């Protein structure tokens, strides 16, 4: 691979609501098949996601309620925002770490933390734990698929299907948890 692919990965990671996991899975497959070193791919993705998080947190501090209201027009973001909002006060940092796996969870979590006036230290703690874990998960799926199946195209398809399956399982668990919480 070349520097352009890493630059594109960084750009995708920085822009909120752009599906970073697809690019990261693909770069993981490429790394497993002789592309850029996997650690470099992870470092670039982590850096981009951290830049995005800090930007969203800052937007939240400066008036994120308006942005969050607009974001909530998307059903998946609204569900994530409601779930994160219900649990954020009691569980704080662990909820922001887990929120990364929800649809639009990283975006919503960063905006909420900023609008709720979390200290920068508390927010960065959650971000510095959650971002590398999530990037390793997404990139690792691609790397695993690329390693298991040396044919790049088939490995990519396998990794994307595995990532979608994992996302579906997380979504089902999230919906059940949300419905149980609503009934309580």
N, C-alpha and C. Protein backbone atom coordinates (compact mmCIF):
# COMPACT_ATOMS: atom_id res chain seq x y z
N UNK A 1 0.85 -1.18 0.00
CA UNK A 1 0.00 0.00 0.00
C UNK A 1 0.89 1.24 0.00
N UNK A 2 0.28 2.36 -0.10
CA UNK A 2 1.06 3.59 -0.13
C UNK A 2 0.49 4.58 0.88
N UNK A 3 1.13 5.72 0.93
CA UNK A 3 0.71 6.75 1.87
C UNK A 3 -0.70 7.25 1.61
N UNK A 4 -1.16 7.17 0.37
CA UNK A 4 -2.50 7.66 0.02
C UNK A 4 -3.57 6.85 0.77
N UNK A 5 -3.40 5.54 0.86
CA UNK A 5 -4.39 4.73 1.55
C UNK A 5 -4.42 5.07 3.04
N UNK A 6 -3.27 5.33 3.64
CA UNK A 6 -3.24 5.72 5.05
C UNK A 6 -3.86 7.10 5.24
N UNK A 7 -3.61 8.00 4.32
CA UNK A 7 -4.20 9.33 4.38
C UNK A 7 -5.72 9.25 4.27
N UNK A 8 -6.20 8.41 3.36
CA UNK A 8 -7.65 8.21 3.21
C UNK A 8 -8.25 7.60 4.48
N UNK A 9 -7.57 6.64 5.07
CA UNK A 9 -8.05 6.05 6.32
C UNK A 9 -8.15 7.12 7.40
N UNK A 10 -7.13 7.96 7.50
CA UNK A 10 -7.15 9.04 8.49
C UNK A 10 -8.34 9.97 8.24
N UNK A 11 -8.54 10.34 6.98
CA UNK A 11 -9.64 11.26 6.63
C UNK A 11 -10.99 10.64 6.97
N UNK A 12 -11.16 9.36 6.67
CA UNK A 12 -12.42 8.68 6.99
C UNK A 12 -12.63 8.64 8.50
N UNK A 13 -11.57 8.39 9.25
CA UNK A 13 -11.67 8.31 10.70
C UNK A 13 -12.00 9.65 11.34
N UNK A 14 -11.54 10.73 10.73
CA UNK A 14 -11.77 12.07 11.29
C UNK A 14 -13.21 12.54 11.08
N UNK A 15 -13.81 12.17 9.98
CA UNK A 15 -15.14 12.68 9.64
C UNK A 15 -16.21 11.89 10.41
N UNK A 16 -16.99 12.56 11.26
CA UNK A 16 -18.04 11.87 12.02
C UNK A 16 -19.10 11.26 11.08
N UNK A 17 -19.63 10.15 11.49
CA UNK A 17 -20.72 9.43 10.81
C UNK A 17 -20.32 8.81 9.47
N UNK A 18 -19.06 8.87 9.10
CA UNK A 18 -18.58 8.12 7.94
C UNK A 18 -18.18 6.75 8.48
N UNK A 19 -18.60 5.67 7.83
CA UNK A 19 -18.35 4.33 8.37
C UNK A 19 -16.87 3.93 8.35
N UNK A 20 -16.18 4.28 9.40
CA UNK A 20 -14.76 4.00 9.53
C UNK A 20 -14.47 2.50 9.53
N UNK A 21 -15.41 1.72 10.09
CA UNK A 21 -15.14 0.30 10.23
C UNK A 21 -14.93 -0.39 8.89
N UNK A 22 -15.61 0.04 7.85
CA UNK A 22 -15.43 -0.57 6.53
C UNK A 22 -14.01 -0.32 6.02
N UNK A 23 -13.55 0.90 6.13
CA UNK A 23 -12.19 1.23 5.69
C UNK A 23 -11.17 0.49 6.54
N UNK A 24 -11.42 0.40 7.83
CA UNK A 24 -10.48 -0.25 8.74
C UNK A 24 -10.43 -1.76 8.51
N UNK A 25 -11.58 -2.37 8.27
CA UNK A 25 -11.60 -3.80 7.94
C UNK A 25 -10.81 -4.04 6.65
N UNK A 26 -11.05 -3.21 5.65
CA UNK A 26 -10.33 -3.36 4.38
C UNK A 26 -8.82 -3.17 4.54
N UNK A 27 -8.43 -2.20 5.33
CA UNK A 27 -7.00 -1.97 5.56
C UNK A 27 -6.40 -3.11 6.37
N UNK A 28 -7.19 -3.73 7.25
CA UNK A 28 -6.72 -4.90 8.00
C UNK A 28 -6.46 -6.07 7.07
N UNK A 29 -7.36 -6.29 6.12
CA UNK A 29 -7.17 -7.34 5.11
C UNK A 29 -5.90 -7.06 4.31
N UNK A 30 -5.74 -5.82 3.88
CA UNK A 30 -4.56 -5.45 3.09
C UNK A 30 -3.29 -5.65 3.90
N UNK A 31 -3.31 -5.29 5.17
CA UNK A 31 -2.13 -5.48 6.02
C UNK A 31 -1.77 -6.95 6.15
N UNK A 32 -2.77 -7.80 6.25
CA UNK A 32 -2.52 -9.24 6.36
C UNK A 32 -1.95 -9.81 5.07
N UNK A 33 -2.17 -9.12 3.98
CA UNK A 33 -1.71 -9.61 2.68
C UNK A 33 -0.54 -8.79 2.13
N UNK A 34 0.27 -8.24 3.03
CA UNK A 34 1.50 -7.57 2.61
C UNK A 34 1.39 -6.07 2.43
N UNK A 35 0.28 -5.49 2.80
CA UNK A 35 0.14 -4.03 2.71
C UNK A 35 0.91 -3.35 3.83
N UNK A 36 0.43 -2.19 4.21
CA UNK A 36 1.06 -1.46 5.31
C UNK A 36 1.05 -2.32 6.57
N UNK A 37 2.05 -2.14 7.44
CA UNK A 37 2.06 -2.91 8.69
C UNK A 37 0.78 -2.64 9.50
N UNK A 38 0.23 -3.69 10.09
CA UNK A 38 -1.02 -3.59 10.83
C UNK A 38 -0.94 -2.55 11.95
N UNK A 39 0.19 -2.50 12.64
CA UNK A 39 0.35 -1.53 13.73
C UNK A 39 0.26 -0.10 13.19
N UNK A 40 0.81 0.15 12.02
CA UNK A 40 0.73 1.48 11.40
C UNK A 40 -0.71 1.81 11.03
N UNK A 41 -1.43 0.83 10.47
CA UNK A 41 -2.84 1.03 10.13
C UNK A 41 -3.62 1.40 11.39
N UNK A 42 -3.40 0.66 12.47
CA UNK A 42 -4.09 0.96 13.73
C UNK A 42 -3.72 2.34 14.25
N UNK A 43 -2.45 2.69 14.20
CA UNK A 43 -2.02 4.01 14.69
C UNK A 43 -2.69 5.14 13.93
N UNK A 44 -2.79 5.00 12.61
CA UNK A 44 -3.43 6.04 11.78
C UNK A 44 -4.93 6.13 12.12
N UNK A 45 -5.59 4.98 12.23
CA UNK A 45 -7.02 4.98 12.55
C UNK A 45 -7.27 5.56 13.94
N UNK A 46 -6.46 5.17 14.91
CA UNK A 46 -6.61 5.70 16.28
C UNK A 46 -6.41 7.21 16.28
N UNK A 47 -5.39 7.69 15.59
CA UNK A 47 -5.14 9.14 15.55
C UNK A 47 -6.33 9.87 14.94
N UNK A 48 -6.87 9.36 13.84
CA UNK A 48 -8.02 10.01 13.20
C UNK A 48 -9.24 10.01 14.10
N UNK A 49 -9.52 8.89 14.74
CA UNK A 49 -10.69 8.82 15.63
C UNK A 49 -10.53 9.72 16.85
N UNK A 50 -9.30 9.83 17.37
CA UNK A 50 -9.08 10.72 18.52
C UNK A 50 -9.26 12.18 18.12
N UNK A 51 -8.79 12.56 16.95
CA UNK A 51 -9.00 13.93 16.45
C UNK A 51 -10.50 14.20 16.34
N UNK A 52 -11.23 13.24 15.79
CA UNK A 52 -12.68 13.38 15.66
C UNK A 52 -13.34 13.52 17.03
N UNK A 53 -12.94 12.67 17.97
CA UNK A 53 -13.52 12.73 19.31
C UNK A 53 -13.30 14.09 19.97
N UNK A 54 -12.09 14.59 19.90
CA UNK A 54 -11.79 15.88 20.52
C UNK A 54 -12.61 16.99 19.85
N UNK A 55 -12.73 16.94 18.54
CA UNK A 55 -13.55 17.93 17.83
C UNK A 55 -15.01 17.86 18.25
N UNK A 56 -15.55 16.65 18.32
CA UNK A 56 -16.96 16.49 18.72
C UNK A 56 -17.18 16.90 20.17
N UNK A 57 -16.25 16.55 21.03
CA UNK A 57 -16.34 16.96 22.44
C UNK A 57 -16.36 18.50 22.54
N UNK A 58 -15.50 19.14 21.76
CA UNK A 58 -15.44 20.61 21.75
C UNK A 58 -16.75 21.20 21.24
N UNK A 59 -17.29 20.63 20.18
CA UNK A 59 -18.59 21.09 19.66
C UNK A 59 -19.65 20.92 20.74
N UNK A 60 -19.61 19.80 21.46
CA UNK A 60 -20.55 19.57 22.55
C UNK A 60 -20.43 20.62 23.64
N UNK A 61 -19.22 21.00 23.98
CA UNK A 61 -19.00 22.04 25.01
C UNK A 61 -19.53 23.39 24.55
N UNK A 62 -19.44 23.65 23.25
CA UNK A 62 -19.82 24.97 22.73
C UNK A 62 -21.29 25.08 22.33
N UNK A 63 -22.04 24.02 22.46
CA UNK A 63 -23.45 24.09 22.08
C UNK A 63 -23.91 22.83 21.40
N UNK A 64 -23.49 21.73 21.92
CA UNK A 64 -23.77 20.44 21.30
C UNK A 64 -25.21 20.00 21.34
N UNK A 65 -26.04 20.63 22.18
CA UNK A 65 -27.44 20.23 22.26
C UNK A 65 -28.12 20.39 20.91
N UNK A 66 -27.83 21.47 20.22
CA UNK A 66 -28.43 21.70 18.90
C UNK A 66 -27.97 20.64 17.90
N UNK A 67 -26.68 20.36 17.88
CA UNK A 67 -26.12 19.35 16.97
C UNK A 67 -26.69 17.98 17.32
N UNK A 68 -26.77 17.69 18.59
CA UNK A 68 -27.30 16.41 19.04
C UNK A 68 -28.77 16.25 18.65
N UNK A 69 -29.53 17.32 18.76
CA UNK A 69 -30.94 17.27 18.32
C UNK A 69 -31.05 16.95 16.83
N UNK A 70 -30.20 17.56 16.02
CA UNK A 70 -30.21 17.27 14.58
C UNK A 70 -29.79 15.83 14.31
N UNK A 71 -28.82 15.37 15.05
CA UNK A 71 -28.32 14.00 14.88
C UNK A 71 -29.40 12.98 15.25
N UNK A 72 -30.21 13.33 16.22
CA UNK A 72 -31.26 12.41 16.69
C UNK A 72 -32.37 12.20 15.67
N UNK A 73 -32.34 12.92 14.57
CA UNK A 73 -33.33 12.67 13.53
C UNK A 73 -33.09 11.31 12.86
N UNK A 74 -31.90 10.78 13.03
CA UNK A 74 -31.59 9.44 12.55
C UNK A 74 -31.98 8.44 13.65
N UNK A 75 -32.84 7.46 13.35
CA UNK A 75 -33.30 6.53 14.38
C UNK A 75 -32.18 5.81 15.13
N UNK A 76 -31.14 5.37 14.43
CA UNK A 76 -30.06 4.66 15.11
C UNK A 76 -29.32 5.59 16.08
N UNK A 77 -29.08 6.82 15.67
CA UNK A 77 -28.41 7.78 16.54
C UNK A 77 -29.30 8.15 17.72
N UNK A 78 -30.60 8.26 17.49
CA UNK A 78 -31.52 8.57 18.57
C UNK A 78 -31.54 7.45 19.62
N UNK A 79 -31.59 6.20 19.16
CA UNK A 79 -31.56 5.07 20.10
C UNK A 79 -30.27 5.05 20.89
N UNK A 80 -29.16 5.28 20.22
CA UNK A 80 -27.87 5.31 20.90
C UNK A 80 -27.83 6.45 21.91
N UNK A 81 -28.31 7.62 21.52
CA UNK A 81 -28.30 8.78 22.41
C UNK A 81 -29.14 8.52 23.67
N UNK A 82 -30.30 7.91 23.48
CA UNK A 82 -31.15 7.62 24.64
C UNK A 82 -30.47 6.61 25.57
N UNK A 83 -29.88 5.57 25.00
CA UNK A 83 -29.23 4.55 25.82
C UNK A 83 -28.03 5.12 26.55
N UNK A 84 -27.18 5.84 25.83
CA UNK A 84 -26.00 6.44 26.45
C UNK A 84 -26.42 7.43 27.53
N UNK A 85 -27.41 8.28 27.22
CA UNK A 85 -27.89 9.27 28.19
C UNK A 85 -28.41 8.66 29.48
N UNK A 86 -29.12 7.53 29.36
CA UNK A 86 -29.65 6.86 30.56
C UNK A 86 -28.55 6.31 31.46
N UNK A 87 -27.46 5.86 30.88
CA UNK A 87 -26.43 5.17 31.65
C UNK A 87 -25.20 6.01 31.95
N UNK A 88 -25.07 7.15 31.31
CA UNK A 88 -23.85 7.94 31.42
C UNK A 88 -23.61 8.47 32.83
N UNK A 89 -24.66 8.94 33.50
CA UNK A 89 -24.50 9.49 34.84
C UNK A 89 -24.00 8.46 35.84
N UNK A 90 -24.56 7.25 35.77
CA UNK A 90 -24.21 6.22 36.75
C UNK A 90 -22.89 5.52 36.45
N UNK A 91 -22.59 5.33 35.16
CA UNK A 91 -21.44 4.49 34.81
C UNK A 91 -20.33 5.24 34.08
N UNK A 92 -20.55 6.43 33.67
CA UNK A 92 -19.53 7.32 33.11
C UNK A 92 -18.60 6.75 32.06
N UNK A 93 -17.33 6.69 32.40
CA UNK A 93 -16.28 6.32 31.45
C UNK A 93 -16.55 4.96 30.79
N UNK A 94 -16.92 3.91 31.53
CA UNK A 94 -17.17 2.63 30.85
C UNK A 94 -18.28 2.71 29.79
N UNK A 95 -19.28 3.55 30.01
CA UNK A 95 -20.36 3.68 29.02
C UNK A 95 -19.83 4.34 27.75
N UNK A 96 -18.97 5.36 27.90
CA UNK A 96 -18.41 5.98 26.70
C UNK A 96 -17.50 5.01 25.94
N UNK A 97 -16.82 4.15 26.67
CA UNK A 97 -15.98 3.14 26.01
C UNK A 97 -16.88 2.18 25.22
N UNK A 98 -17.93 1.69 25.85
CA UNK A 98 -18.85 0.74 25.19
C UNK A 98 -19.65 1.40 24.07
N UNK A 99 -19.91 2.67 24.19
CA UNK A 99 -20.72 3.38 23.19
C UNK A 99 -20.12 3.30 21.80
N UNK A 100 -18.83 3.10 21.69
CA UNK A 100 -18.17 3.00 20.38
C UNK A 100 -18.77 1.92 19.51
N UNK A 101 -19.32 0.88 20.13
CA UNK A 101 -19.86 -0.24 19.36
C UNK A 101 -21.33 -0.03 18.97
N UNK A 102 -21.94 1.04 19.41
CA UNK A 102 -23.32 1.35 19.03
C UNK A 102 -23.34 2.16 17.74
N UNK A 103 -24.45 2.09 17.00
CA UNK A 103 -24.54 2.93 15.80
C UNK A 103 -24.42 4.41 16.16
N UNK A 104 -23.46 5.08 15.58
CA UNK A 104 -23.17 6.50 15.85
C UNK A 104 -22.80 6.74 17.31
N UNK A 105 -22.43 5.69 18.02
CA UNK A 105 -22.15 5.80 19.46
C UNK A 105 -20.96 6.67 19.81
N UNK A 106 -19.89 6.58 19.03
CA UNK A 106 -18.73 7.43 19.30
C UNK A 106 -19.06 8.90 19.12
N UNK A 107 -19.80 9.20 18.07
CA UNK A 107 -20.20 10.59 17.79
C UNK A 107 -21.12 11.10 18.88
N UNK A 108 -22.16 10.34 19.18
CA UNK A 108 -23.14 10.75 20.19
C UNK A 108 -22.48 10.87 21.56
N UNK A 109 -21.64 9.89 21.91
CA UNK A 109 -20.98 9.91 23.22
C UNK A 109 -20.10 11.13 23.41
N UNK A 110 -19.33 11.48 22.39
CA UNK A 110 -18.45 12.65 22.48
C UNK A 110 -19.25 13.94 22.60
N UNK A 111 -20.32 14.06 21.80
CA UNK A 111 -21.17 15.25 21.88
C UNK A 111 -21.84 15.35 23.25
N UNK A 112 -22.34 14.23 23.76
CA UNK A 112 -22.99 14.24 25.07
C UNK A 112 -22.01 14.61 26.18
N UNK A 113 -20.83 14.01 26.15
CA UNK A 113 -19.82 14.31 27.18
C UNK A 113 -19.49 15.80 27.18
N UNK A 114 -19.36 16.38 26.00
CA UNK A 114 -19.08 17.82 25.92
C UNK A 114 -20.25 18.65 26.40
N UNK A 115 -21.47 18.31 25.97
CA UNK A 115 -22.63 19.11 26.36
C UNK A 115 -22.97 18.94 27.84
N UNK A 116 -22.57 17.81 28.43
CA UNK A 116 -22.79 17.60 29.87
C UNK A 116 -21.66 18.17 30.71
N UNK A 117 -20.71 18.83 30.03
CA UNK A 117 -19.59 19.50 30.70
C UNK A 117 -18.67 18.55 31.45
N UNK A 118 -18.46 17.38 30.87
CA UNK A 118 -17.46 16.48 31.45
C UNK A 118 -16.12 17.19 31.40
N UNK A 119 -15.25 16.90 32.35
CA UNK A 119 -13.91 17.48 32.30
C UNK A 119 -13.18 16.86 31.10
N UNK A 120 -12.26 17.62 30.55
CA UNK A 120 -11.48 17.11 29.41
C UNK A 120 -10.72 15.85 29.81
N UNK A 121 -10.22 15.80 31.02
CA UNK A 121 -9.47 14.63 31.49
C UNK A 121 -10.35 13.39 31.52
N UNK A 122 -11.54 13.53 32.04
CA UNK A 122 -12.46 12.39 32.11
C UNK A 122 -12.84 11.91 30.70
N UNK A 123 -13.14 12.84 29.81
CA UNK A 123 -13.50 12.47 28.45
C UNK A 123 -12.32 11.81 27.74
N UNK A 124 -11.13 12.40 27.85
CA UNK A 124 -9.97 11.83 27.16
C UNK A 124 -9.61 10.45 27.70
N UNK A 125 -9.86 10.22 28.98
CA UNK A 125 -9.64 8.88 29.54
C UNK A 125 -10.51 7.87 28.81
N UNK A 126 -11.80 8.18 28.67
CA UNK A 126 -12.72 7.27 27.97
C UNK A 126 -12.31 7.10 26.51
N UNK A 127 -11.94 8.19 25.87
CA UNK A 127 -11.58 8.14 24.46
C UNK A 127 -10.27 7.37 24.26
N UNK A 128 -9.30 7.58 25.12
CA UNK A 128 -8.01 6.91 24.98
C UNK A 128 -8.10 5.40 25.29
N UNK A 129 -9.15 4.99 25.96
CA UNK A 129 -9.39 3.56 26.18
C UNK A 129 -10.24 3.01 25.03
N UNK A 130 -11.34 3.67 24.73
CA UNK A 130 -12.30 3.16 23.75
C UNK A 130 -11.81 3.15 22.32
N UNK A 131 -11.14 4.20 21.90
CA UNK A 131 -10.72 4.30 20.49
C UNK A 131 -9.74 3.18 20.11
N UNK A 132 -8.67 2.96 20.86
CA UNK A 132 -7.76 1.87 20.46
C UNK A 132 -8.43 0.49 20.52
N UNK A 133 -9.30 0.28 21.51
CA UNK A 133 -10.00 -1.01 21.59
C UNK A 133 -10.88 -1.22 20.36
N UNK A 134 -11.65 -0.20 20.00
CA UNK A 134 -12.56 -0.32 18.87
C UNK A 134 -11.78 -0.47 17.56
N UNK A 135 -10.73 0.31 17.38
CA UNK A 135 -9.93 0.21 16.16
C UNK A 135 -9.27 -1.17 16.04
N UNK A 136 -8.80 -1.70 17.16
CA UNK A 136 -8.19 -3.03 17.15
C UNK A 136 -9.24 -4.08 16.79
N UNK A 137 -10.44 -3.92 17.32
CA UNK A 137 -11.54 -4.84 16.99
C UNK A 137 -11.85 -4.80 15.49
N UNK A 138 -12.09 -3.62 14.95
CA UNK A 138 -12.48 -3.50 13.54
C UNK A 138 -11.33 -3.89 12.61
N UNK A 139 -10.15 -3.37 12.87
CA UNK A 139 -9.01 -3.73 12.04
C UNK A 139 -8.62 -5.19 12.20
N UNK A 140 -8.77 -5.68 13.43
CA UNK A 140 -8.45 -7.08 13.70
C UNK A 140 -9.34 -8.05 12.95
N UNK A 141 -10.62 -7.69 12.79
CA UNK A 141 -11.51 -8.54 11.98
C UNK A 141 -10.99 -8.65 10.55
N UNK A 142 -10.58 -7.53 10.00
CA UNK A 142 -10.02 -7.54 8.65
C UNK A 142 -8.73 -8.32 8.57
N UNK A 143 -7.88 -8.10 9.55
CA UNK A 143 -6.58 -8.79 9.56
C UNK A 143 -6.79 -10.30 9.70
N UNK A 144 -7.70 -10.69 10.57
CA UNK A 144 -8.01 -12.10 10.76
C UNK A 144 -8.54 -12.70 9.46
N UNK A 145 -9.48 -12.02 8.84
CA UNK A 145 -10.02 -12.51 7.58
C UNK A 145 -8.96 -12.61 6.51
N UNK A 146 -8.09 -11.61 6.45
CA UNK A 146 -7.03 -11.62 5.45
C UNK A 146 -5.99 -12.69 5.71
N UNK A 147 -5.75 -12.99 6.98
CA UNK A 147 -4.79 -14.03 7.34
C UNK A 147 -5.36 -15.42 7.07
N UNK A 148 -6.62 -15.60 7.44
CA UNK A 148 -7.25 -16.91 7.25
C UNK A 148 -7.45 -17.25 5.79
N UNK A 149 -7.76 -16.25 5.03
CA UNK A 149 -8.07 -16.47 3.61
C UNK A 149 -7.14 -15.61 2.78
N UNK A 150 -6.13 -16.20 2.24
CA UNK A 150 -5.08 -15.43 1.58
C UNK A 150 -5.51 -14.77 0.28
N UNK A 151 -6.60 -15.20 -0.29
CA UNK A 151 -7.10 -14.52 -1.48
C UNK A 151 -7.73 -13.20 -1.04
N UNK A 152 -7.14 -12.10 -1.42
CA UNK A 152 -7.53 -10.78 -0.92
C UNK A 152 -9.02 -10.50 -1.08
N UNK A 153 -9.58 -10.76 -2.24
CA UNK A 153 -11.00 -10.44 -2.44
C UNK A 153 -11.88 -11.27 -1.52
N UNK A 154 -11.61 -12.56 -1.46
CA UNK A 154 -12.44 -13.42 -0.61
C UNK A 154 -12.23 -13.05 0.86
N UNK A 155 -11.00 -12.74 1.23
CA UNK A 155 -10.72 -12.32 2.60
C UNK A 155 -11.44 -11.04 2.97
N UNK A 156 -11.50 -10.11 2.03
CA UNK A 156 -12.21 -8.86 2.27
C UNK A 156 -13.70 -9.11 2.46
N UNK A 157 -14.27 -9.91 1.57
CA UNK A 157 -15.70 -10.22 1.68
C UNK A 157 -15.97 -10.94 3.00
N UNK A 158 -15.13 -11.92 3.34
CA UNK A 158 -15.29 -12.65 4.59
C UNK A 158 -15.23 -11.71 5.79
N UNK A 159 -14.25 -10.81 5.79
CA UNK A 159 -14.10 -9.88 6.91
C UNK A 159 -15.27 -8.92 7.03
N UNK A 160 -15.75 -8.41 5.91
CA UNK A 160 -16.89 -7.50 5.94
C UNK A 160 -18.13 -8.22 6.45
N UNK A 161 -18.34 -9.46 5.96
CA UNK A 161 -19.49 -10.25 6.43
C UNK A 161 -19.36 -10.51 7.93
N UNK A 162 -18.16 -10.85 8.39
CA UNK A 162 -17.92 -11.07 9.82
C UNK A 162 -18.18 -9.80 10.62
N UNK A 163 -17.74 -8.66 10.11
CA UNK A 163 -17.98 -7.38 10.79
C UNK A 163 -19.47 -7.06 10.83
N UNK A 164 -20.17 -7.30 9.72
CA UNK A 164 -21.62 -7.05 9.70
C UNK A 164 -22.35 -7.98 10.65
N UNK A 165 -21.94 -9.23 10.71
CA UNK A 165 -22.53 -10.18 11.65
C UNK A 165 -22.32 -9.72 13.09
N UNK A 166 -21.11 -9.30 13.40
CA UNK A 166 -20.84 -8.79 14.74
C UNK A 166 -21.68 -7.55 15.04
N UNK A 167 -21.82 -6.66 14.06
CA UNK A 167 -22.64 -5.46 14.24
C UNK A 167 -24.10 -5.83 14.47
N UNK A 168 -24.59 -6.84 13.75
CA UNK A 168 -25.99 -7.28 13.92
C UNK A 168 -26.21 -7.85 15.32
N UNK A 169 -25.26 -8.65 15.79
CA UNK A 169 -25.38 -9.21 17.14
C UNK A 169 -25.39 -8.09 18.17
N UNK A 170 -24.50 -7.12 18.01
CA UNK A 170 -24.46 -5.98 18.93
C UNK A 170 -25.76 -5.21 18.87
N UNK A 171 -26.30 -5.00 17.67
CA UNK A 171 -27.56 -4.26 17.52
C UNK A 171 -28.72 -5.00 18.18
N UNK A 172 -28.77 -6.32 18.03
CA UNK A 172 -29.85 -7.10 18.66
C UNK A 172 -29.74 -7.00 20.18
N UNK A 173 -28.54 -7.17 20.70
CA UNK A 173 -28.35 -7.05 22.15
C UNK A 173 -28.72 -5.65 22.62
N UNK A 174 -28.31 -4.64 21.85
CA UNK A 174 -28.62 -3.26 22.19
C UNK A 174 -30.13 -3.03 22.22
N UNK A 175 -30.83 -3.52 21.21
CA UNK A 175 -32.29 -3.33 21.15
C UNK A 175 -32.98 -4.04 22.29
N UNK A 176 -32.55 -5.26 22.61
CA UNK A 176 -33.16 -5.98 23.73
C UNK A 176 -32.88 -5.27 25.04
N UNK A 177 -31.66 -4.80 25.21
CA UNK A 177 -31.33 -4.07 26.43
C UNK A 177 -32.14 -2.79 26.52
N UNK A 178 -32.29 -2.10 25.40
CA UNK A 178 -33.07 -0.87 25.36
C UNK A 178 -34.53 -1.14 25.70
N UNK A 179 -35.09 -2.20 25.14
CA UNK A 179 -36.50 -2.49 25.41
C UNK A 179 -36.69 -2.94 26.86
N UNK A 180 -35.73 -3.70 27.40
CA UNK A 180 -35.83 -4.09 28.81
C UNK A 180 -35.73 -2.87 29.72
N UNK A 181 -34.83 -1.94 29.37
CA UNK A 181 -34.69 -0.73 30.18
C UNK A 181 -35.95 0.12 30.12
N UNK A 182 -36.58 0.17 28.96
CA UNK A 182 -37.80 0.98 28.80
C UNK A 182 -38.95 0.38 29.60
N UNK A 183 -38.99 -0.96 29.70
CA UNK A 183 -40.06 -1.61 30.46
C UNK A 183 -39.90 -1.43 31.95
N UNK A 184 -38.66 -1.27 32.41
CA UNK A 184 -38.39 -1.15 33.84
C UNK A 184 -38.76 0.20 34.38
